[in-house]
Amino acid sequence: MPTASTLTENPSKSNPTASPQRLLATCNQLAHNVILVDPETLTEVRRIETPAEPHVIVYDEKRALFYVAITYRSGFYDAHGDHGREIVVIDAATCAIAATVDVSPDAGPHDLIIDTKRDRLYVTCESDGGCVLVYDLDGFVRIGKIPTRAPGPHWLALLPDGRKAYTGNKEAAHVSVLDLDRIAMCGSIPMPTGSEDLVVSPDGSLLYANDRSSPFLHVIRTDTDREIARVELPSTPHRLLWTSAQQLLVTHFNYKKDKSGWNFDKPHPGGVSVTDARTLKVIGDFQVGAGPLGLAATDDGNTVFVNNANDGTMSVVDMPSGKARGLVPLARGSHDVILLNAPGA
């Protein structure tokens, strides 16, 4: 199999005169695959097998490559087997695995963020007390590691200028603040009951962070790294997406918790709440399938795609009406989803 050193340039040859193909790419944790879907026809285009278990997928437009984080061999955050140690690299033109990058001695890679200005990939990892790995994508060379002082740094958000990033830490009472110029942790933001997904506003002035254990969305100024507001949500949040309509979409599992933890055998329909980013008011919500995880939206924000992990489906929602446009069969454990322009055929 090719090594990471072969990734300086993508050798695949797509037709340079063909128009880019709009695609949804979703990684499916329990089915161990990536599924490509046409967002217009909502039909499956391709399935690509991966090692167990893929959690997060991003797209490197410069090289026409997907990067897929292999987080665990089995299970999920609160109850998993051995950690995975790979980032699988998939050629978008051929839909073949081009390389497998071993992150050892670290393990449990999860969120992936590409900094296109610096040509870097940032990777959250659950090893070494919690850290973020930094890769130069020119040859996929590791150039640093940033401690987060949190055992479960799961999600990552990056300022538009690439100078600072934040990690959502499930089990730590803080969000970690990372200085990407120095490749070092430079501070923390109190988050007493842990945090889940987080995003930065397009102008870089605000960070929005989902609480892990309470029904709140925290609003933080990025110049001071201090919380300035809090949005009360319908229930405990999970994933978070900013849309071009200046709306913040938050997924809600709506699972019932018993003495042994979350009861996944009796899932309730999931939901997505909608917060107006200008007024910080919840302005609506809609029902989706069980265990909603990944979120993606069209450029105009009018259509939203929601991966339902327990149902193994993708809900397609028309945002102006809040009504379902379709339901795409995927595979159980459908986790992350992204919308992209792939190379023309």
C-alpha atoms as a PDB file:
ATOM      1  CA  MET A   1       0.000   0.000   0.000  1.00  0.00           C
ATOM      2  CA  PRO A   2       1.299   3.517  -0.692  1.00  0.00           C
ATOM      3  CA  THR A   3       2.760   5.410   2.228  1.00  0.00           C
ATOM      4  CA  ALA A   4       2.105   8.940   3.390  1.00  0.00           C
ATOM      5  CA  SER A   5       5.181  10.138   1.522  1.00  0.00           C
ATOM      6  CA  THR A   6       3.354   9.573  -1.780  1.00  0.00           C
ATOM      7  CA  LEU A   7       0.737  12.205  -0.959  1.00  0.00           C
ATOM      8  CA  THR A   8       2.588  15.358  -2.038  1.00  0.00           C
ATOM      9  CA  GLU A   9       0.652  15.264  -5.286  1.00  0.00           C
ATOM     10  CA  ASN A  10      -2.353  13.155  -6.120  1.00  0.00           C
ATOM     11  CA  PRO A  11      -1.379  10.995  -9.114  1.00  0.00           C
ATOM     12  CA  SER A  12      -4.970  10.252 -10.170  1.00  0.00           C
ATOM     13  CA  LYS A  13      -6.071  11.765 -13.459  1.00  0.00           C
ATOM     14  CA  SER A  14      -9.552  13.222 -13.577  1.00  0.00           C
ATOM     15  CA  ASN A  15     -10.867  14.900 -16.700  1.00  0.00           C
ATOM     16  CA  PRO A  16      -9.755  18.569 -16.448  1.00  0.00           C
ATOM     17  CA  THR A  17     -12.614  19.715 -18.670  1.00  0.00           C
ATOM     18  CA  ALA A  18     -15.336  17.982 -16.654  1.00  0.00           C
ATOM     19  CA  SER A  19     -17.428  19.936 -14.173  1.00  0.00           C
ATOM     20  CA  PRO A  20     -16.879  19.098 -10.500  1.00  0.00           C
ATOM     21  CA  GLN A  21     -19.390  16.629  -9.113  1.00  0.00           C
ATOM     22  CA  ARG A  22     -21.331  17.688  -6.014  1.00  0.00           C
ATOM     23  CA  LEU A  23     -21.284  14.858  -3.457  1.00  0.00           C
ATOM     24  CA  LEU A  24     -22.187  14.023   0.108  1.00  0.00           C
ATOM     25  CA  ALA A  25     -19.575  11.868   1.811  1.00  0.00           C
ATOM     26  CA  THR A  26     -20.499  10.042   4.990  1.00  0.00           C
ATOM     27  CA  CYS A  27     -18.433   7.698   7.135  1.00  0.00           C
ATOM     28  CA  ASN A  28     -20.257   4.857   8.841  1.00  0.00           C
ATOM     29  CA  GLN A  29     -18.826   3.714  12.130  1.00  0.00           C
ATOM     30  CA  LEU A  30     -20.426   0.287  12.506  1.00  0.00           C
ATOM     31  CA  ALA A  31     -20.479  -0.639   8.808  1.00  0.00           C
ATOM     32  CA  HIS A  32     -16.804   0.317   8.385  1.00  0.00           C
ATOM     33  CA  ASN A  33     -17.226   2.241   5.169  1.00  0.00           C
ATOM     34  CA  VAL A  34     -17.540   5.602   3.450  1.00  0.00           C
ATOM     35  CA  ILE A  35     -20.671   6.142   1.342  1.00  0.00           C
ATOM     36  CA  LEU A  36     -20.882   8.788  -1.391  1.00  0.00           C
ATOM     37  CA  VAL A  37     -24.360  10.162  -2.173  1.00  0.00           C
ATOM     38  CA  ASP A  38     -25.649  12.467  -4.926  1.00  0.00           C
ATOM     39  CA  PRO A  39     -27.267  15.378  -3.011  1.00  0.00           C
ATOM     40  CA  GLU A  40     -29.737  16.123  -5.807  1.00  0.00           C
ATOM     41  CA  THR A  41     -31.083  12.650  -6.538  1.00  0.00           C
ATOM     42  CA  LEU A  42     -30.323  11.333  -3.018  1.00  0.00           C
ATOM     43  CA  THR A  43     -28.986   8.131  -4.540  1.00  0.00           C
ATOM     44  CA  GLU A  44     -25.872   6.234  -3.554  1.00  0.00           C
ATOM     45  CA  VAL A  45     -22.877   6.725  -5.839  1.00  0.00           C
ATOM     46  CA  ARG A  46     -20.196   4.549  -4.238  1.00  0.00           C
ATOM     47  CA  ARG A  47     -19.245   2.559  -1.123  1.00  0.00           C
ATOM     48  CA  ILE A  48     -15.625   2.384   0.010  1.00  0.00           C
ATOM     49  CA  GLU A  49     -14.622  -0.125   2.676  1.00  0.00           C
ATOM     50  CA  THR A  50     -12.376   1.102   5.504  1.00  0.00           C
ATOM     51  CA  PRO A  51     -10.881  -0.388   8.659  1.00  0.00           C
ATOM     52  CA  ALA A  52     -13.025  -0.324  11.812  1.00  0.00           C
ATOM     53  CA  GLU A  53     -14.221   2.229  12.900  1.00  0.00           C
ATOM     54  CA  PRO A  54     -14.346   5.430  10.801  1.00  0.00           C
ATOM     55  CA  HIS A  55     -15.714   8.445  12.683  1.00  0.00           C
ATOM     56  CA  VAL A  56     -14.824  11.716  10.915  1.00  0.00           C
ATOM     57  CA  ILE A  57     -14.160  12.585   7.272  1.00  0.00           C
ATOM     58  CA  VAL A  58     -12.753  15.756   5.688  1.00  0.00           C
ATOM     59  CA  TYR A  59     -11.915  16.682   2.096  1.00  0.00           C
ATOM     60  CA  ASP A  60      -8.598  18.101   0.862  1.00  0.00           C
ATOM     61  CA  GLU A  61      -9.676  19.988  -2.262  1.00  0.00           C
ATOM     62  CA  LYS A  62      -6.084  20.846  -3.235  1.00  0.00           C
ATOM     63  CA  ARG A  63      -5.171  17.165  -3.579  1.00  0.00           C
ATOM     64  CA  ALA A  64      -8.642  15.703  -4.209  1.00  0.00           C
ATOM     65  CA  LEU A  65      -8.249  13.403  -1.210  1.00  0.00           C
ATOM     66  CA  PHE A  66     -10.500  12.364   1.666  1.00  0.00           C
ATOM     67  CA  TYR A  67      -8.974  11.881   5.122  1.00  0.00           C
ATOM     68  CA  VAL A  68     -10.875   9.524   7.439  1.00  0.00           C
ATOM     69  CA  ALA A  69     -10.138   9.141  11.161  1.00  0.00           C
ATOM     70  CA  ILE A  70     -10.229   5.578  12.509  1.00  0.00           C
ATOM     71  CA  THR A  71     -11.038   6.213  16.163  1.00  0.00           C
ATOM     72  CA  TYR A  72     -11.906   2.851  17.774  1.00  0.00           C
ATOM     73  CA  ARG A  73     -11.877  -0.816  16.794  1.00  0.00           C
ATOM     74  CA  SER A  74     -15.337  -1.191  18.348  1.00  0.00           C
ATOM     75  CA  GLY A  75     -17.847   0.761  20.385  1.00  0.00           C
ATOM     76  CA  PHE A  76     -18.175   4.489  20.950  1.00  0.00           C
ATOM     77  CA  TYR A  77     -16.714   7.146  23.250  1.00  0.00           C
ATOM     78  CA  ASP A  78     -18.208   6.018  26.567  1.00  0.00           C
ATOM     79  CA  ALA A  79     -17.843   2.283  25.865  1.00  0.00           C
ATOM     80  CA  HIS A  80     -15.218   1.296  23.320  1.00  0.00           C
ATOM     81  CA  GLY A  81     -12.625  -1.371  22.631  1.00  0.00           C
ATOM     82  CA  ASP A  82      -9.077  -0.700  21.517  1.00  0.00           C
ATOM     83  CA  HIS A  83      -8.253   2.667  19.995  1.00  0.00           C
ATOM     84  CA  GLY A  84      -7.652   3.004  16.289  1.00  0.00           C
ATOM     85  CA  ARG A  85      -4.378   4.522  15.120  1.00  0.00           C
ATOM     86  CA  GLU A  86      -4.975   5.374  11.469  1.00  0.00           C
ATOM     87  CA  ILE A  87      -5.992   8.144   9.141  1.00  0.00           C
ATOM     88  CA  VAL A  88      -7.152   6.541   5.913  1.00  0.00           C
ATOM     89  CA  VAL A  89      -6.498   8.547   2.744  1.00  0.00           C
ATOM     90  CA  ILE A  90      -8.963   8.022  -0.143  1.00  0.00           C
ATOM     91  CA  ASP A  91      -8.460   9.252  -3.706  1.00  0.00           C
ATOM     92  CA  ALA A  92     -11.681  11.094  -4.588  1.00  0.00           C
ATOM     93  CA  ALA A  93     -11.264  10.494  -8.325  1.00  0.00           C
ATOM     94  CA  THR A  94     -10.789   6.718  -8.138  1.00  0.00           C
ATOM     95  CA  CYS A  95     -12.544   6.061  -4.791  1.00  0.00           C
ATOM     96  CA  ALA A  96      -9.597   3.869  -3.824  1.00  0.00           C
ATOM     97  CA  ILE A  97      -7.525   3.981  -0.649  1.00  0.00           C
ATOM     98  CA  ALA A  98      -4.311   5.809  -1.549  1.00  0.00           C
ATOM     99  CA  ALA A  99      -2.518   5.489   1.790  1.00  0.00           C
ATOM    100  CA  THR A 100      -2.943   4.738   5.468  1.00  0.00           C
ATOM    101  CA  VAL A 101      -1.203   7.085   7.896  1.00  0.00           C
ATOM    102  CA  ASP A 102      -0.290   5.549  11.276  1.00  0.00           C
ATOM    103  CA  VAL A 103      -0.501   8.176  14.062  1.00  0.00           C
ATOM    104  CA  SER A 104       1.427   5.970  16.529  1.00  0.00           C
ATOM    105  CA  PRO A 105       2.570   6.302  19.230  1.00  0.00           C
ATOM    106  CA  ASP A 106      -0.657   8.283  19.590  1.00  0.00           C
ATOM    107  CA  ALA A 107      -4.102   6.739  19.300  1.00  0.00           C
ATOM    108  CA  GLY A 108      -7.797   7.484  19.071  1.00  0.00           C
ATOM    109  CA  PRO A 109      -7.737  10.110  16.279  1.00  0.00           C
ATOM    110  CA  HIS A 110     -11.134  11.769  15.995  1.00  0.00           C
ATOM    111  CA  ASP A 111     -11.807  15.250  14.665  1.00  0.00           C
ATOM    112  CA  LEU A 112      -9.932  16.463  11.589  1.00  0.00           C
ATOM    113  CA  ILE A 113      -9.568  20.091  10.490  1.00  0.00           C
ATOM    114  CA  ILE A 114      -7.706  21.265   7.380  1.00  0.00           C
ATOM    115  CA  ASP A 115      -6.012  24.666   7.485  1.00  0.00           C
ATOM    116  CA  THR A 116      -5.827  25.535   3.780  1.00  0.00           C
ATOM    117  CA  LYS A 117      -3.685  28.655   4.376  1.00  0.00           C
ATOM    118  CA  ARG A 118      -0.881  26.758   6.099  1.00  0.00           C
ATOM    119  CA  ASP A 119      -1.555  23.447   4.325  1.00  0.00           C
ATOM    120  CA  ARG A 120      -1.878  21.635   7.650  1.00  0.00           C
ATOM    121  CA  LEU A 121      -4.114  18.949   9.103  1.00  0.00           C
ATOM    122  CA  TYR A 122      -5.033  19.095  12.801  1.00  0.00           C
ATOM    123  CA  VAL A 123      -6.116  15.851  14.490  1.00  0.00           C
ATOM    124  CA  THR A 124      -7.599  15.454  17.980  1.00  0.00           C
ATOM    125  CA  CYS A 125      -6.361  12.327  19.777  1.00  0.00           C
ATOM    126  CA  GLU A 126      -7.376  10.643  23.033  1.00  0.00           C
ATOM    127  CA  SER A 127      -3.838   9.467  23.825  1.00  0.00           C
ATOM    128  CA  ASP A 128      -1.100  10.992  25.999  1.00  0.00           C
ATOM    129  CA  GLY A 129      -3.629  12.720  28.255  1.00  0.00           C
ATOM    130  CA  GLY A 130      -5.386  14.263  25.266  1.00  0.00           C
ATOM    131  CA  CYS A 131      -3.675  16.112  22.423  1.00  0.00           C
ATOM    132  CA  VAL A 132      -3.911  17.599  18.944  1.00  0.00           C
ATOM    133  CA  LEU A 133      -1.498  16.343  16.287  1.00  0.00           C
ATOM    134  CA  VAL A 134      -0.247  18.744  13.612  1.00  0.00           C
ATOM    135  CA  TYR A 135       0.609  17.460  10.128  1.00  0.00           C
ATOM    136  CA  ASP A 136       2.127  19.295   7.171  1.00  0.00           C
ATOM    137  CA  LEU A 137       0.076  17.994   4.252  1.00  0.00           C
ATOM    138  CA  ASP A 138       2.999  18.319   1.858  1.00  0.00           C
ATOM    139  CA  GLY A 139       4.082  14.707   2.311  1.00  0.00           C
ATOM    140  CA  PHE A 140       1.880  14.209   5.404  1.00  0.00           C
ATOM    141  CA  VAL A 141       4.697  14.887   7.847  1.00  0.00           C
ATOM    142  CA  ARG A 142       3.996  15.348  11.567  1.00  0.00           C
ATOM    143  CA  ILE A 143       5.382  18.695  12.709  1.00  0.00           C
ATOM    144  CA  GLY A 144       4.051  18.916  16.248  1.00  0.00           C
ATOM    145  CA  LYS A 145       1.727  17.847  19.046  1.00  0.00           C
ATOM    146  CA  ILE A 146      -0.278  20.100  21.362  1.00  0.00           C
ATOM    147  CA  PRO A 147      -1.412  18.875  24.800  1.00  0.00           C
ATOM    148  CA  THR A 148      -5.014  19.733  25.691  1.00  0.00           C
ATOM    149  CA  ARG A 149      -4.936  18.701  29.385  1.00  0.00           C
ATOM    150  CA  ALA A 150      -8.165  16.821  28.734  1.00  0.00           C
ATOM    151  CA  PRO A 151      -8.563  13.038  28.322  1.00  0.00           C
ATOM    152  CA  GLY A 152     -11.263  13.305  25.675  1.00  0.00           C
ATOM    153  CA  PRO A 153     -10.585  16.144  23.211  1.00  0.00           C
ATOM    154  CA  HIS A 154     -13.235  15.208  20.690  1.00  0.00           C
ATOM    155  CA  TRP A 155     -14.089  18.195  18.504  1.00  0.00           C
ATOM    156  CA  LEU A 156     -11.956  21.012  17.139  1.00  0.00           C
ATOM    157  CA  ALA A 157     -12.681  24.539  15.874  1.00  0.00           C
ATOM    158  CA  LEU A 158     -10.227  26.808  14.078  1.00  0.00           C
ATOM    159  CA  LEU A 159     -10.174  30.603  13.693  1.00  0.00           C
ATOM    160  CA  PRO A 160     -10.340  31.731  10.031  1.00  0.00           C
ATOM    161  CA  ASP A 161      -6.835  33.227  10.207  1.00  0.00           C
ATOM    162  CA  GLY A 162      -5.437  29.935  11.506  1.00  0.00           C
ATOM    163  CA  ARG A 163      -3.723  31.447  14.543  1.00  0.00           C
ATOM    164  CA  LYS A 164      -5.842  29.814  17.252  1.00  0.00           C
ATOM    165  CA  ALA A 165      -8.005  26.726  17.786  1.00  0.00           C
ATOM    166  CA  TYR A 166     -10.243  25.243  20.455  1.00  0.00           C
ATOM    167  CA  THR A 167     -11.046  21.685  21.509  1.00  0.00           C
ATOM    168  CA  GLY A 168     -14.344  20.479  22.924  1.00  0.00           C
ATOM    169  CA  ASN A 169     -13.440  18.156  25.802  1.00  0.00           C
ATOM    170  CA  LYS A 170     -16.071  15.664  26.889  1.00  0.00           C
ATOM    171  CA  GLU A 171     -14.710  14.943  30.348  1.00  0.00           C
ATOM    172  CA  ALA A 172     -12.738  18.058  31.237  1.00  0.00           C
ATOM    173  CA  ALA A 173     -14.168  21.142  32.905  1.00  0.00           C
ATOM    174  CA  HIS A 174     -12.695  23.399  30.238  1.00  0.00           C
ATOM    175  CA  VAL A 175     -12.407  24.080  26.537  1.00  0.00           C
ATOM    176  CA  SER A 176      -8.721  24.054  25.565  1.00  0.00           C
ATOM    177  CA  VAL A 177      -7.297  27.103  23.762  1.00  0.00           C
ATOM    178  CA  LEU A 178      -4.448  26.358  21.345  1.00  0.00           C
ATOM    179  CA  ASP A 179      -1.881  28.766  19.908  1.00  0.00           C
ATOM    180  CA  LEU A 180      -1.187  27.418  16.428  1.00  0.00           C
ATOM    181  CA  ASP A 181       1.742  29.764  15.748  1.00  0.00           C
ATOM    182  CA  ARG A 182       3.639  28.349  18.722  1.00  0.00           C
ATOM    183  CA  ILE A 183       1.985  24.901  18.493  1.00  0.00           C
ATOM    184  CA  ALA A 184       1.145  25.030  22.188  1.00  0.00           C
ATOM    185  CA  MET A 185      -1.816  25.205  24.564  1.00  0.00           C
ATOM    186  CA  CYS A 186      -2.212  28.821  25.658  1.00  0.00           C
ATOM    187  CA  GLY A 187      -5.287  28.840  27.878  1.00  0.00           C
ATOM    188  CA  SER A 188      -8.624  27.357  28.839  1.00  0.00           C
ATOM    189  CA  ILE A 189     -12.262  28.398  29.058  1.00  0.00           C
ATOM    190  CA  PRO A 190     -14.342  27.105  31.988  1.00  0.00           C
ATOM    191  CA  MET A 191     -16.903  24.489  30.972  1.00  0.00           C
ATOM    192  CA  PRO A 192     -17.869  22.816  34.280  1.00  0.00           C
ATOM    193  CA  THR A 193     -19.937  19.960  32.833  1.00  0.00           C
ATOM    194  CA  GLY A 194     -17.812  19.217  29.774  1.00  0.00           C
ATOM    195  CA  SER A 195     -18.291  20.185  26.145  1.00  0.00           C
ATOM    196  CA  GLU A 196     -19.217  18.623  22.832  1.00  0.00           C
ATOM    197  CA  ASP A 197     -19.043  20.115  19.357  1.00  0.00           C
ATOM    198  CA  LEU A 198     -17.977  23.713  18.732  1.00  0.00           C
ATOM    199  CA  VAL A 199     -17.813  26.138  15.800  1.00  0.00           C
ATOM    200  CA  VAL A 200     -16.374  29.592  15.118  1.00  0.00           C
ATOM    201  CA  SER A 201     -18.375  32.341  13.420  1.00  0.00           C
ATOM    202  CA  PRO A 202     -17.222  33.146   9.864  1.00  0.00           C
ATOM    203  CA  ASP A 203     -15.677  36.449  10.991  1.00  0.00           C
ATOM    204  CA  GLY A 204     -13.787  34.661  13.765  1.00  0.00           C
ATOM    205  CA  SER A 205     -15.163  36.834  16.566  1.00  0.00           C
ATOM    206  CA  LEU A 206     -17.264  34.245  18.383  1.00  0.00           C
ATOM    207  CA  LEU A 207     -16.943  30.629  19.440  1.00  0.00           C
ATOM    208  CA  TYR A 208     -20.080  28.557  20.032  1.00  0.00           C
ATOM    209  CA  ALA A 209     -19.689  25.449  22.201  1.00  0.00           C
ATOM    210  CA  ASN A 210     -22.260  22.788  23.061  1.00  0.00           C
ATOM    211  CA  ASP A 211     -22.440  21.714  26.689  1.00  0.00           C
ATOM    212  CA  ARG A 212     -22.044  17.967  27.195  1.00  0.00           C
ATOM    213  CA  SER A 213     -24.357  17.454  30.148  1.00  0.00           C
ATOM    214  CA  SER A 214     -26.680  20.465  30.205  1.00  0.00           C
ATOM    215  CA  PRO A 215     -29.092  21.935  27.616  1.00  0.00           C
ATOM    216  CA  PHE A 216     -26.940  24.947  26.777  1.00  0.00           C
ATOM    217  CA  LEU A 217     -25.049  26.486  23.886  1.00  0.00           C
ATOM    218  CA  HIS A 218     -22.198  28.646  25.213  1.00  0.00           C
ATOM    219  CA  VAL A 219     -21.209  31.835  23.330  1.00  0.00           C
ATOM    220  CA  ILE A 220     -17.579  32.949  23.786  1.00  0.00           C
ATOM    221  CA  ARG A 221     -15.624  35.947  22.496  1.00  0.00           C
ATOM    222  CA  THR A 222     -12.441  34.773  20.802  1.00  0.00           C
ATOM    223  CA  ASP A 223     -10.439  37.943  21.565  1.00  0.00           C
ATOM    224  CA  THR A 224     -10.845  37.482  25.332  1.00  0.00           C
ATOM    225  CA  ASP A 225     -11.784  33.760  25.440  1.00  0.00           C
ATOM    226  CA  ARG A 226     -14.576  34.625  27.871  1.00  0.00           C
ATOM    227  CA  GLU A 227     -18.187  33.460  27.786  1.00  0.00           C
ATOM    228  CA  ILE A 228     -20.590  36.323  27.052  1.00  0.00           C
ATOM    229  CA  ALA A 229     -23.923  34.557  26.604  1.00  0.00           C
ATOM    230  CA  ARG A 230     -25.694  31.232  26.941  1.00  0.00           C
ATOM    231  CA  VAL A 231     -28.563  29.851  24.865  1.00  0.00           C
ATOM    232  CA  GLU A 232     -30.988  27.476  26.564  1.00  0.00           C
ATOM    233  CA  LEU A 233     -31.741  24.578  24.220  1.00  0.00           C
ATOM    234  CA  PRO A 234     -34.665  22.101  24.155  1.00  0.00           C
ATOM    235  CA  SER A 235     -32.462  19.260  25.465  1.00  0.00           C
ATOM    236  CA  THR A 236     -28.832  18.211  25.833  1.00  0.00           C
ATOM    237  CA  PRO A 237     -26.918  19.025  22.615  1.00  0.00           C
ATOM    238  CA  HIS A 238     -24.395  17.082  20.579  1.00  0.00           C
ATOM    239  CA  ARG A 239     -23.265  18.245  17.103  1.00  0.00           C
ATOM    240  CA  LEU A 240     -23.303  21.851  15.908  1.00  0.00           C
ATOM    241  CA  LEU A 241     -23.338  23.552  12.488  1.00  0.00           C
ATOM    242  CA  TRP A 242     -23.276  27.195  11.378  1.00  0.00           C
ATOM    243  CA  THR A 243     -25.164  27.841   8.118  1.00  0.00           C
ATOM    244  CA  SER A 244     -24.948  30.744   5.685  1.00  0.00           C
ATOM    245  CA  ALA A 245     -28.445  31.747   6.825  1.00  0.00           C
ATOM    246  CA  GLN A 246     -26.793  32.724  10.158  1.00  0.00           C
ATOM    247  CA  GLN A 247     -28.443  29.867  11.937  1.00  0.00           C
ATOM    248  CA  LEU A 248     -26.865  27.501  14.462  1.00  0.00           C
ATOM    249  CA  LEU A 249     -28.147  23.950  14.100  1.00  0.00           C
ATOM    250  CA  VAL A 250     -27.762  21.607  17.056  1.00  0.00           C
ATOM    251  CA  THR A 251     -28.507  17.880  17.130  1.00  0.00           C
ATOM    252  CA  HIS A 252     -30.210  16.267  20.129  1.00  0.00           C
ATOM    253  CA  PHE A 253     -30.167  12.507  20.796  1.00  0.00           C
ATOM    254  CA  ASN A 254     -33.189  12.570  23.125  1.00  0.00           C
ATOM    255  CA  TYR A 255     -32.125   9.222  24.595  1.00  0.00           C
ATOM    256  CA  LYS A 256     -33.272   8.227  28.039  1.00  0.00           C
ATOM    257  CA  LYS A 257     -30.560   7.487  30.574  1.00  0.00           C
ATOM    258  CA  ASP A 258     -30.889   4.660  33.111  1.00  0.00           C
ATOM    259  CA  LYS A 259     -28.584   3.367  35.848  1.00  0.00           C
ATOM    260  CA  SER A 260     -26.299   1.659  33.332  1.00  0.00           C
ATOM    261  CA  GLY A 261     -25.982   4.742  31.131  1.00  0.00           C
ATOM    262  CA  TRP A 262     -27.571   5.590  27.805  1.00  0.00           C
ATOM    263  CA  ASN A 263     -30.193   3.092  26.668  1.00  0.00           C
ATOM    264  CA  PHE A 264     -29.462   2.719  22.963  1.00  0.00           C
ATOM    265  CA  ASP A 265     -31.756  -0.284  22.601  1.00  0.00           C
ATOM    266  CA  LYS A 266     -34.811   1.949  23.014  1.00  0.00           C
ATOM    267  CA  PRO A 267     -33.908   4.994  20.979  1.00  0.00           C
ATOM    268  CA  HIS A 268     -36.233   7.954  20.698  1.00  0.00           C
ATOM    269  CA  PRO A 269     -36.503  10.037  17.511  1.00  0.00           C
ATOM    270  CA  GLY A 270     -33.739  12.625  17.467  1.00  0.00           C
ATOM    271  CA  GLY A 271     -34.146  16.312  16.889  1.00  0.00           C
ATOM    272  CA  VAL A 272     -32.379  19.381  15.524  1.00  0.00           C
ATOM    273  CA  SER A 273     -32.910  22.800  17.092  1.00  0.00           C
ATOM    274  CA  VAL A 274     -32.368  26.065  15.221  1.00  0.00           C
ATOM    275  CA  THR A 275     -30.895  29.149  16.912  1.00  0.00           C
ATOM    276  CA  ASP A 276     -30.726  32.565  15.248  1.00  0.00           C
ATOM    277  CA  ALA A 277     -27.081  33.585  15.579  1.00  0.00           C
ATOM    278  CA  ARG A 278     -28.004  37.290  15.618  1.00  0.00           C
ATOM    279  CA  THR A 279     -30.591  37.192  18.396  1.00  0.00           C
ATOM    280  CA  LEU A 280     -29.349  34.034  20.161  1.00  0.00           C
ATOM    281  CA  LYS A 281     -32.938  32.799  20.337  1.00  0.00           C
ATOM    282  CA  VAL A 282     -34.105  29.291  19.505  1.00  0.00           C
ATOM    283  CA  ILE A 283     -36.451  29.838  16.577  1.00  0.00           C
ATOM    284  CA  GLY A 284     -37.463  26.281  15.738  1.00  0.00           C
ATOM    285  CA  ASP A 285     -36.770  22.582  15.804  1.00  0.00           C
ATOM    286  CA  PHE A 286     -37.548  19.527  13.720  1.00  0.00           C
ATOM    287  CA  GLN A 287     -37.565  15.771  14.188  1.00  0.00           C
ATOM    288  CA  VAL A 288     -35.063  13.446  12.518  1.00  0.00           C
ATOM    289  CA  GLY A 289     -34.051   9.815  12.985  1.00  0.00           C
ATOM    290  CA  ALA A 290     -32.585   8.177  16.074  1.00  0.00           C
ATOM    291  CA  GLY A 291     -29.118   9.245  17.175  1.00  0.00           C
ATOM    292  CA  PRO A 292     -28.470  12.284  14.957  1.00  0.00           C
ATOM    293  CA  LEU A 293     -24.762  12.965  14.572  1.00  0.00           C
ATOM    294  CA  GLY A 294     -23.205  14.587  11.494  1.00  0.00           C
ATOM    295  CA  LEU A 295     -24.658  17.730   9.924  1.00  0.00           C
ATOM    296  CA  ALA A 296     -24.065  19.370   6.550  1.00  0.00           C
ATOM    297  CA  ALA A 297     -25.880  22.132   4.666  1.00  0.00           C
ATOM    298  CA  THR A 298     -26.051  23.498   1.144  1.00  0.00           C
ATOM    299  CA  ASP A 299     -24.276  26.784   0.423  1.00  0.00           C
ATOM    300  CA  ASP A 300     -27.532  28.754   0.710  1.00  0.00           C
ATOM    301  CA  GLY A 301     -28.467  27.025   3.972  1.00  0.00           C
ATOM    302  CA  ASN A 302     -31.827  25.933   2.570  1.00  0.00           C
ATOM    303  CA  THR A 303     -31.215  22.179   2.736  1.00  0.00           C
ATOM    304  CA  VAL A 304     -29.706  20.319   5.675  1.00  0.00           C
ATOM    305  CA  PHE A 305     -28.436  16.738   5.755  1.00  0.00           C
ATOM    306  CA  VAL A 306     -28.453  14.889   9.100  1.00  0.00           C
ATOM    307  CA  ASN A 307     -26.851  11.492   9.705  1.00  0.00           C
ATOM    308  CA  ASN A 308     -28.894   9.297  12.072  1.00  0.00           C
ATOM    309  CA  ALA A 309     -26.499   6.811  13.657  1.00  0.00           C
ATOM    310  CA  ASN A 310     -29.018   4.446  15.205  1.00  0.00           C
ATOM    311  CA  ASP A 311     -31.287   4.345  12.160  1.00  0.00           C
ATOM    312  CA  GLY A 312     -28.467   4.134   9.633  1.00  0.00           C
ATOM    313  CA  THR A 313     -30.135   6.840   7.574  1.00  0.00           C
ATOM    314  CA  MET A 314     -29.680  10.437   6.465  1.00  0.00           C
ATOM    315  CA  SER A 315     -32.547  12.886   6.947  1.00  0.00           C
ATOM    316  CA  VAL A 316     -32.786  15.582   4.261  1.00  0.00           C
ATOM    317  CA  VAL A 317     -34.630  18.651   5.526  1.00  0.00           C
ATOM    318  CA  ASP A 318     -35.932  21.726   3.719  1.00  0.00           C
ATOM    319  CA  MET A 319     -35.021  24.529   6.140  1.00  0.00           C
ATOM    320  CA  PRO A 320     -37.548  27.192   5.083  1.00  0.00           C
ATOM    321  CA  SER A 321     -40.408  24.801   5.815  1.00  0.00           C
ATOM    322  CA  GLY A 322     -38.700  22.573   8.389  1.00  0.00           C
ATOM    323  CA  LYS A 323     -40.110  19.545   6.567  1.00  0.00           C
ATOM    324  CA  ALA A 324     -38.372  16.391   5.393  1.00  0.00           C
ATOM    325  CA  ARG A 325     -37.411  16.278   1.723  1.00  0.00           C
ATOM    326  CA  GLY A 326     -36.158  12.716   1.808  1.00  0.00           C
ATOM    327  CA  LEU A 327     -34.573   9.891   3.774  1.00  0.00           C
ATOM    328  CA  VAL A 328     -31.405   8.249   2.452  1.00  0.00           C
ATOM    329  CA  PRO A 329     -30.532   4.671   3.525  1.00  0.00           C
ATOM    330  CA  LEU A 330     -26.898   4.507   4.651  1.00  0.00           C
ATOM    331  CA  ALA A 331     -25.565   2.060   7.243  1.00  0.00           C
ATOM    332  CA  ARG A 332     -25.977   1.792  10.997  1.00  0.00           C
ATOM    333  CA  GLY A 333     -23.505   3.991  12.773  1.00  0.00           C
ATOM    334  CA  SER A 334     -23.652   6.742  10.134  1.00  0.00           C
ATOM    335  CA  HIS A 335     -21.448   9.333  11.804  1.00  0.00           C
ATOM    336  CA  ASP A 336     -19.936  12.336  10.022  1.00  0.00           C
ATOM    337  CA  VAL A 337     -21.174  13.874   6.752  1.00  0.00           C
ATOM    338  CA  ILE A 338     -19.689  16.554   4.492  1.00  0.00           C
ATOM    339  CA  LEU A 339     -20.823  18.223   1.259  1.00  0.00           C
ATOM    340  CA  LEU A 340     -18.106  18.816  -1.340  1.00  0.00           C
ATOM    341  CA  ASN A 341     -17.147  19.308  -4.963  1.00  0.00           C
ATOM    342  CA  ALA A 342     -15.333  16.184  -6.155  1.00  0.00           C
ATOM    343  CA  PRO A 343     -13.214  15.904  -9.332  1.00  0.00           C
ATOM    344  CA  GLY A 344     -15.148  15.570 -12.591  1.00  0.00           C
ATOM    345  CA  ALA A 345     -15.397  12.179 -14.155  1.00  0.00           C
END
